Amino acid sequence: MGNETRSGPIMDGSDDATDEQKLAGLREQVEHDRAGEGEAAKADELRDRMAQTEVEPEESDDPPAGS
């Protein structure tokens, strides 16, 4: 493997995962990759990876803050 950039998942079956499963995987990756960093840095990284992979955020039943 050289300087190739991977644009998709490497594991078989990853395309079959639900957005909820994909989001859980992204969270796990960010926790591992950003261990020891603050929550704000982890949240920024998670947002970036969600945008890159086109994973939608979970919908919440909670009312928006300030409501």
PDB file of N, CA and C in Angstrom:
ATOM      1  N   MET A   1       0.851  -1.180   0.000  1.00  0.00           N
ATOM      2  CA  MET A   1       0.000   0.000   0.000  1.00  0.00           C
ATOM      3  C   MET A   1       0.893   1.238   0.000  1.00  0.00           C
ATOM      4  N   GLY A   2       0.634   2.164  -0.890  1.00  0.00           N
ATOM      5  CA  GLY A   2       1.449   3.359  -1.012  1.00  0.00           C
ATOM      6  C   GLY A   2       0.804   4.548  -0.352  1.00  0.00           C
ATOM      7  N   ASN A   3       0.778   5.638  -1.074  1.00  0.00           N
ATOM      8  CA  ASN A   3       0.199   6.877  -0.577  1.00  0.00           C
ATOM      9  C   ASN A   3      -1.250   7.031  -1.027  1.00  0.00           C
ATOM     10  N   GLU A   4      -1.939   5.921  -1.194  1.00  0.00           N
ATOM     11  CA  GLU A   4      -3.317   5.957  -1.663  1.00  0.00           C
ATOM     12  C   GLU A   4      -4.240   6.487  -0.571  1.00  0.00           C
ATOM     13  N   THR A   5      -5.245   7.225  -0.977  1.00  0.00           N
ATOM     14  CA  THR A   5      -6.244   7.731  -0.046  1.00  0.00           C
ATOM     15  C   THR A   5      -7.481   6.853  -0.142  1.00  0.00           C
ATOM     16  N   ARG A   6      -7.950   6.386   1.000  1.00  0.00           N
ATOM     17  CA  ARG A   6      -9.143   5.559   1.038  1.00  0.00           C
ATOM     18  C   ARG A   6     -10.346   6.470   1.200  1.00  0.00           C
ATOM     19  N   SER A   7     -11.340   6.296   0.344  1.00  0.00           N
ATOM     20  CA  SER A   7     -12.527   7.150   0.411  1.00  0.00           C
ATOM     21  C   SER A   7     -13.744   6.408   0.918  1.00  0.00           C
ATOM     22  N   GLY A   8     -13.598   5.126   1.229  1.00  0.00           N
ATOM     23  CA  GLY A   8     -14.730   4.349   1.706  1.00  0.00           C
ATOM     24  C   GLY A   8     -14.295   3.385   2.787  1.00  0.00           C
ATOM     25  N   PRO A   9     -15.259   2.730   3.404  1.00  0.00           N
ATOM     26  CA  PRO A   9     -14.951   1.776   4.474  1.00  0.00           C
ATOM     27  C   PRO A   9     -14.125   0.616   3.941  1.00  0.00           C
ATOM     28  N   ILE A  10     -13.288   0.059   4.791  1.00  0.00           N
ATOM     29  CA  ILE A  10     -12.425  -1.037   4.392  1.00  0.00           C
ATOM     30  C   ILE A  10     -13.043  -2.397   4.704  1.00  0.00           C
ATOM     31  N   MET A  11     -13.959  -2.463   5.658  1.00  0.00           N
ATOM     32  CA  MET A  11     -14.519  -3.740   6.084  1.00  0.00           C
ATOM     33  C   MET A  11     -15.728  -4.133   5.241  1.00  0.00           C
ATOM     34  N   ASP A  12     -15.801  -5.424   4.904  1.00  0.00           N
ATOM     35  CA  ASP A  12     -16.960  -5.952   4.188  1.00  0.00           C
ATOM     36  C   ASP A  12     -18.207  -5.767   5.042  1.00  0.00           C
ATOM     37  N   GLY A  13     -19.311  -5.460   4.402  1.00  0.00           N
ATOM     38  CA  GLY A  13     -20.583  -5.314   5.108  1.00  0.00           C
ATOM     39  C   GLY A  13     -20.825  -3.928   5.661  1.00  0.00           C
ATOM     40  N   SER A  14     -19.837  -3.058   5.590  1.00  0.00           N
ATOM     41  CA  SER A  14     -20.006  -1.730   6.175  1.00  0.00           C
ATOM     42  C   SER A  14     -21.082  -0.925   5.452  1.00  0.00           C
ATOM     43  N   ASP A  15     -21.293  -1.234   4.172  1.00  0.00           N
ATOM     44  CA  ASP A  15     -22.346  -0.524   3.437  1.00  0.00           C
ATOM     45  C   ASP A  15     -23.736  -0.959   3.883  1.00  0.00           C
ATOM     46  N   ASP A  16     -23.825  -2.093   4.585  1.00  0.00           N
ATOM     47  CA  ASP A  16     -25.104  -2.598   5.062  1.00  0.00           C
ATOM     48  C   ASP A  16     -25.483  -2.019   6.416  1.00  0.00           C
ATOM     49  N   ALA A  17     -24.577  -1.320   7.066  1.00  0.00           N
ATOM     50  CA  ALA A  17     -24.827  -0.778   8.398  1.00  0.00           C
ATOM     51  C   ALA A  17     -25.845   0.355   8.339  1.00  0.00           C
ATOM     52  N   THR A  18     -26.645   0.458   9.388  1.00  0.00           N
ATOM     53  CA  THR A  18     -27.591   1.572   9.498  1.00  0.00           C
ATOM     54  C   THR A  18     -26.818   2.831   9.875  1.00  0.00           C
ATOM     55  N   ASP A  19     -27.447   4.001   9.720  1.00  0.00           N
ATOM     56  CA  ASP A  19     -26.789   5.248  10.134  1.00  0.00           C
ATOM     57  C   ASP A  19     -26.463   5.209  11.628  1.00  0.00           C
ATOM     58  N   GLU A  20     -27.336   4.588  12.416  1.00  0.00           N
ATOM     59  CA  GLU A  20     -27.100   4.480  13.862  1.00  0.00           C
ATOM     60  C   GLU A  20     -25.824   3.673  14.129  1.00  0.00           C
ATOM     61  N   GLN A  21     -25.651   2.576  13.399  1.00  0.00           N
ATOM     62  CA  GLN A  21     -24.454   1.755  13.560  1.00  0.00           C
ATOM     63  C   GLN A  21     -23.212   2.488  13.056  1.00  0.00           C
ATOM     64  N   LYS A  22     -23.348   3.197  11.948  1.00  0.00           N
ATOM     65  CA  LYS A  22     -22.221   3.963  11.412  1.00  0.00           C
ATOM     66  C   LYS A  22     -21.804   5.059  12.387  1.00  0.00           C
ATOM     67  N   LEU A  23     -22.785   5.735  12.966  1.00  0.00           N
ATOM     68  CA  LEU A  23     -22.492   6.797  13.924  1.00  0.00           C
ATOM     69  C   LEU A  23     -21.797   6.228  15.160  1.00  0.00           C
ATOM     70  N   ALA A  24     -22.252   5.071  15.629  1.00  0.00           N
ATOM     71  CA  ALA A  24     -21.602   4.423  16.776  1.00  0.00           C
ATOM     72  C   ALA A  24     -20.152   4.094  16.442  1.00  0.00           C
ATOM     73  N   GLY A  25     -19.898   3.618  15.231  1.00  0.00           N
ATOM     74  CA  GLY A  25     -18.538   3.316  14.805  1.00  0.00           C
ATOM     75  C   GLY A  25     -17.670   4.559  14.731  1.00  0.00           C
ATOM     76  N   LEU A  26     -18.239   5.644  14.212  1.00  0.00           N
ATOM     77  CA  LEU A  26     -17.486   6.899  14.148  1.00  0.00           C
ATOM     78  C   LEU A  26     -17.138   7.391  15.544  1.00  0.00           C
ATOM     79  N   ARG A  27     -18.104   7.296  16.460  1.00  0.00           N
ATOM     80  CA  ARG A  27     -17.838   7.726  17.847  1.00  0.00           C
ATOM     81  C   ARG A  27     -16.700   6.913  18.456  1.00  0.00           C
ATOM     82  N   GLU A  28     -16.715   5.604  18.216  1.00  0.00           N
ATOM     83  CA  GLU A  28     -15.667   4.734  18.746  1.00  0.00           C
ATOM     84  C   GLU A  28     -14.311   5.108  18.158  1.00  0.00           C
ATOM     85  N   GLN A  29     -14.274   5.369  16.861  1.00  0.00           N
ATOM     86  CA  GLN A  29     -13.019   5.762  16.212  1.00  0.00           C
ATOM     87  C   GLN A  29     -12.488   7.072  16.785  1.00  0.00           C
ATOM     88  N   VAL A  30     -13.382   8.044  16.951  1.00  0.00           N
ATOM     89  CA  VAL A  30     -12.960   9.350  17.469  1.00  0.00           C
ATOM     90  C   VAL A  30     -12.459   9.208  18.905  1.00  0.00           C
ATOM     91  N   GLU A  31     -13.145   8.416  19.729  1.00  0.00           N
ATOM     92  CA  GLU A  31     -12.689   8.203  21.110  1.00  0.00           C
ATOM     93  C   GLU A  31     -11.283   7.610  21.121  1.00  0.00           C
ATOM     94  N   HIS A  32     -11.029   6.686  20.218  1.00  0.00           N
ATOM     95  CA  HIS A  32      -9.709   6.052  20.145  1.00  0.00           C
ATOM     96  C   HIS A  32      -8.666   7.033  19.604  1.00  0.00           C
ATOM     97  N   ASP A  33      -8.996   7.689  18.500  1.00  0.00           N
ATOM     98  CA  ASP A  33      -8.038   8.570  17.834  1.00  0.00           C
ATOM     99  C   ASP A  33      -7.736   9.838  18.630  1.00  0.00           C
ATOM    100  N   ARG A  34      -8.698  10.306  19.400  1.00  0.00           N
ATOM    101  CA  ARG A  34      -8.533  11.569  20.137  1.00  0.00           C
ATOM    102  C   ARG A  34      -8.464  11.345  21.650  1.00  0.00           C
ATOM    103  N   ALA A  35      -8.048  10.154  22.071  1.00  0.00           N
ATOM    104  CA  ALA A  35      -7.914   9.861  23.505  1.00  0.00           C
ATOM    105  C   ALA A  35      -7.011  10.906  24.154  1.00  0.00           C
ATOM    106  N   GLY A  36      -7.425  11.387  25.283  1.00  0.00           N
ATOM    107  CA  GLY A  36      -6.635  12.375  26.009  1.00  0.00           C
ATOM    108  C   GLY A  36      -6.931  13.811  25.618  1.00  0.00           C
ATOM    109  N   GLU A  37      -7.735  13.999  24.594  1.00  0.00           N
ATOM    110  CA  GLU A  37      -8.105  15.354  24.178  1.00  0.00           C
ATOM    111  C   GLU A  37      -9.453  15.724  24.796  1.00  0.00           C
ATOM    112  N   GLY A  38      -9.777  16.983  24.785  1.00  0.00           N
ATOM    113  CA  GLY A  38     -11.016  17.462  25.366  1.00  0.00           C
ATOM    114  C   GLY A  38     -12.239  17.076  24.553  1.00  0.00           C
ATOM    115  N   GLU A  39     -13.389  17.192  25.178  1.00  0.00           N
ATOM    116  CA  GLU A  39     -14.653  16.841  24.527  1.00  0.00           C
ATOM    117  C   GLU A  39     -14.940  17.726  23.321  1.00  0.00           C
ATOM    118  N   ALA A  40     -14.526  19.001  23.364  1.00  0.00           N
ATOM    119  CA  ALA A  40     -14.767  19.902  22.233  1.00  0.00           C
ATOM    120  C   ALA A  40     -14.000  19.429  20.992  1.00  0.00           C
ATOM    121  N   ALA A  41     -12.762  18.999  21.182  1.00  0.00           N
ATOM    122  CA  ALA A  41     -11.960  18.494  20.060  1.00  0.00           C
ATOM    123  C   ALA A  41     -12.584  17.225  19.493  1.00  0.00           C
ATOM    124  N   LYS A  42     -13.071  16.353  20.370  1.00  0.00           N
ATOM    125  CA  LYS A  42     -13.719  15.117  19.926  1.00  0.00           C
ATOM    126  C   LYS A  42     -15.000  15.428  19.161  1.00  0.00           C
ATOM    127  N   ALA A  43     -15.777  16.395  19.648  1.00  0.00           N
ATOM    128  CA  ALA A  43     -17.026  16.762  18.976  1.00  0.00           C
ATOM    129  C   ALA A  43     -16.742  17.344  17.590  1.00  0.00           C
ATOM    130  N   ASP A  44     -15.718  18.182  17.485  1.00  0.00           N
ATOM    131  CA  ASP A  44     -15.338  18.751  16.180  1.00  0.00           C
ATOM    132  C   ASP A  44     -14.930  17.650  15.216  1.00  0.00           C
ATOM    133  N   GLU A  45     -14.125  16.707  15.688  1.00  0.00           N
ATOM    134  CA  GLU A  45     -13.667  15.606  14.847  1.00  0.00           C
ATOM    135  C   GLU A  45     -14.847  14.737  14.411  1.00  0.00           C
ATOM    136  N   LEU A  46     -15.777  14.476  15.318  1.00  0.00           N
ATOM    137  CA  LEU A  46     -16.951  13.665  14.984  1.00  0.00           C
ATOM    138  C   LEU A  46     -17.788  14.360  13.912  1.00  0.00           C
ATOM    139  N   ARG A  47     -17.996  15.666  14.043  1.00  0.00           N
ATOM    140  CA  ARG A  47     -18.750  16.413  13.029  1.00  0.00           C
ATOM    141  C   ARG A  47     -18.051  16.340  11.669  1.00  0.00           C
ATOM    142  N   ASP A  48     -16.733  16.488  11.672  1.00  0.00           N
ATOM    143  CA  ASP A  48     -15.975  16.402  10.415  1.00  0.00           C
ATOM    144  C   ASP A  48     -16.132  15.024   9.771  1.00  0.00           C
ATOM    145  N   ARG A  49     -16.012  13.983  10.569  1.00  0.00           N
ATOM    146  CA  ARG A  49     -16.114  12.626  10.021  1.00  0.00           C
ATOM    147  C   ARG A  49     -17.539  12.316   9.569  1.00  0.00           C
ATOM    148  N   MET A  50     -18.523  12.849  10.255  1.00  0.00           N
ATOM    149  CA  MET A  50     -19.910  12.652   9.831  1.00  0.00           C
ATOM    150  C   MET A  50     -20.131  13.308   8.473  1.00  0.00           C
ATOM    151  N   ALA A  51     -19.581  14.482   8.285  1.00  0.00           N
ATOM    152  CA  ALA A  51     -19.722  15.173   7.003  1.00  0.00           C
ATOM    153  C   ALA A  51     -19.002  14.409   5.894  1.00  0.00           C
ATOM    154  N   GLN A  52     -17.816  13.908   6.184  1.00  0.00           N
ATOM    155  CA  GLN A  52     -17.033  13.171   5.194  1.00  0.00           C
ATOM    156  C   GLN A  52     -17.736  11.890   4.757  1.00  0.00           C
ATOM    157  N   THR A  53     -18.385  11.228   5.698  1.00  0.00           N
ATOM    158  CA  THR A  53     -19.008   9.933   5.416  1.00  0.00           C
ATOM    159  C   THR A  53     -20.504  10.044   5.160  1.00  0.00           C
ATOM    160  N   GLU A  54     -21.028  11.268   5.230  1.00  0.00           N
ATOM    161  CA  GLU A  54     -22.446  11.534   4.992  1.00  0.00           C
ATOM    162  C   GLU A  54     -23.356  10.742   5.938  1.00  0.00           C
ATOM    163  N   VAL A  55     -22.919  10.609   7.194  1.00  0.00           N
ATOM    164  CA  VAL A  55     -23.729   9.976   8.226  1.00  0.00           C
ATOM    165  C   VAL A  55     -24.547  11.064   8.902  1.00  0.00           C
ATOM    166  N   GLU A  56     -25.844  10.836   9.003  1.00  0.00           N
ATOM    167  CA  GLU A  56     -26.743  11.808   9.604  1.00  0.00           C
ATOM    168  C   GLU A  56     -26.722  11.692  11.130  1.00  0.00           C
ATOM    169  N   PRO A  57     -26.876  12.825  11.839  1.00  0.00           N
ATOM    170  CA  PRO A  57     -26.947  12.765  13.304  1.00  0.00           C
ATOM    171  C   PRO A  57     -28.223  12.060  13.746  1.00  0.00           C
ATOM    172  N   GLU A  58     -28.180  11.517  14.955  1.00  0.00           N
ATOM    173  CA  GLU A  58     -29.361  10.875  15.513  1.00  0.00           C
ATOM    174  C   GLU A  58     -30.422  11.925  15.777  1.00  0.00           C
ATOM    175  N   GLU A  59     -31.671  11.545  15.553  1.00  0.00           N
ATOM    176  CA  GLU A  59     -32.764  12.443  15.893  1.00  0.00           C
ATOM    177  C   GLU A  59     -33.067  12.270  17.366  1.00  0.00           C
ATOM    178  N   SER A  60     -33.385  13.357  18.018  1.00  0.00           N
ATOM    179  CA  SER A  60     -33.659  13.325  19.443  1.00  0.00           C
ATOM    180  C   SER A  60     -35.110  13.680  19.702  1.00  0.00           C
ATOM    181  N   ASP A  61     -35.668  13.038  20.714  1.00  0.00           N
ATOM    182  CA  ASP A  61     -37.034  13.360  21.136  1.00  0.00           C
ATOM    183  C   ASP A  61     -37.027  14.536  22.111  1.00  0.00           C
ATOM    184  N   ASP A  62     -35.823  14.937  22.528  1.00  0.00           N
ATOM    185  CA  ASP A  62     -35.702  16.036  23.469  1.00  0.00           C
ATOM    186  C   ASP A  62     -35.984  17.356  22.775  1.00  0.00           C
ATOM    187  N   PRO A  63     -36.628  18.291  23.474  1.00  0.00           N
ATOM    188  CA  PRO A  63     -36.858  19.608  22.854  1.00  0.00           C
ATOM    189  C   PRO A  63     -35.537  20.340  22.704  1.00  0.00           C
ATOM    190  N   PRO A  64     -35.432  21.236  21.726  1.00  0.00           N
ATOM    191  CA  PRO A  64     -34.199  22.008  21.535  1.00  0.00           C
ATOM    192  C   PRO A  64     -33.864  22.806  22.790  1.00  0.00           C
ATOM    193  N   ALA A  65     -32.575  23.025  23.025  1.00  0.00           N
ATOM    194  CA  ALA A  65     -32.147  23.810  24.174  1.00  0.00           C
ATOM    195  C   ALA A  65     -32.760  25.196  24.121  1.00  0.00           C
ATOM    196  N   GLY A  66     -33.164  25.684  25.275  1.00  0.00           N
ATOM    197  CA  GLY A  66     -33.748  27.019  25.355  1.00  0.00           C
ATOM    198  C   GLY A  66     -35.242  27.031  25.100  1.00  0.00           C
ATOM    199  N   SER A  67     -35.845  25.879  24.920  1.00  0.00           N
ATOM    200  CA  SER A  67     -37.297  25.808  24.671  1.00  0.00           C
ATOM    201  C   SER A  67     -38.051  25.739  25.977  1.00  0.00           C
TER     202      SER A  67
END
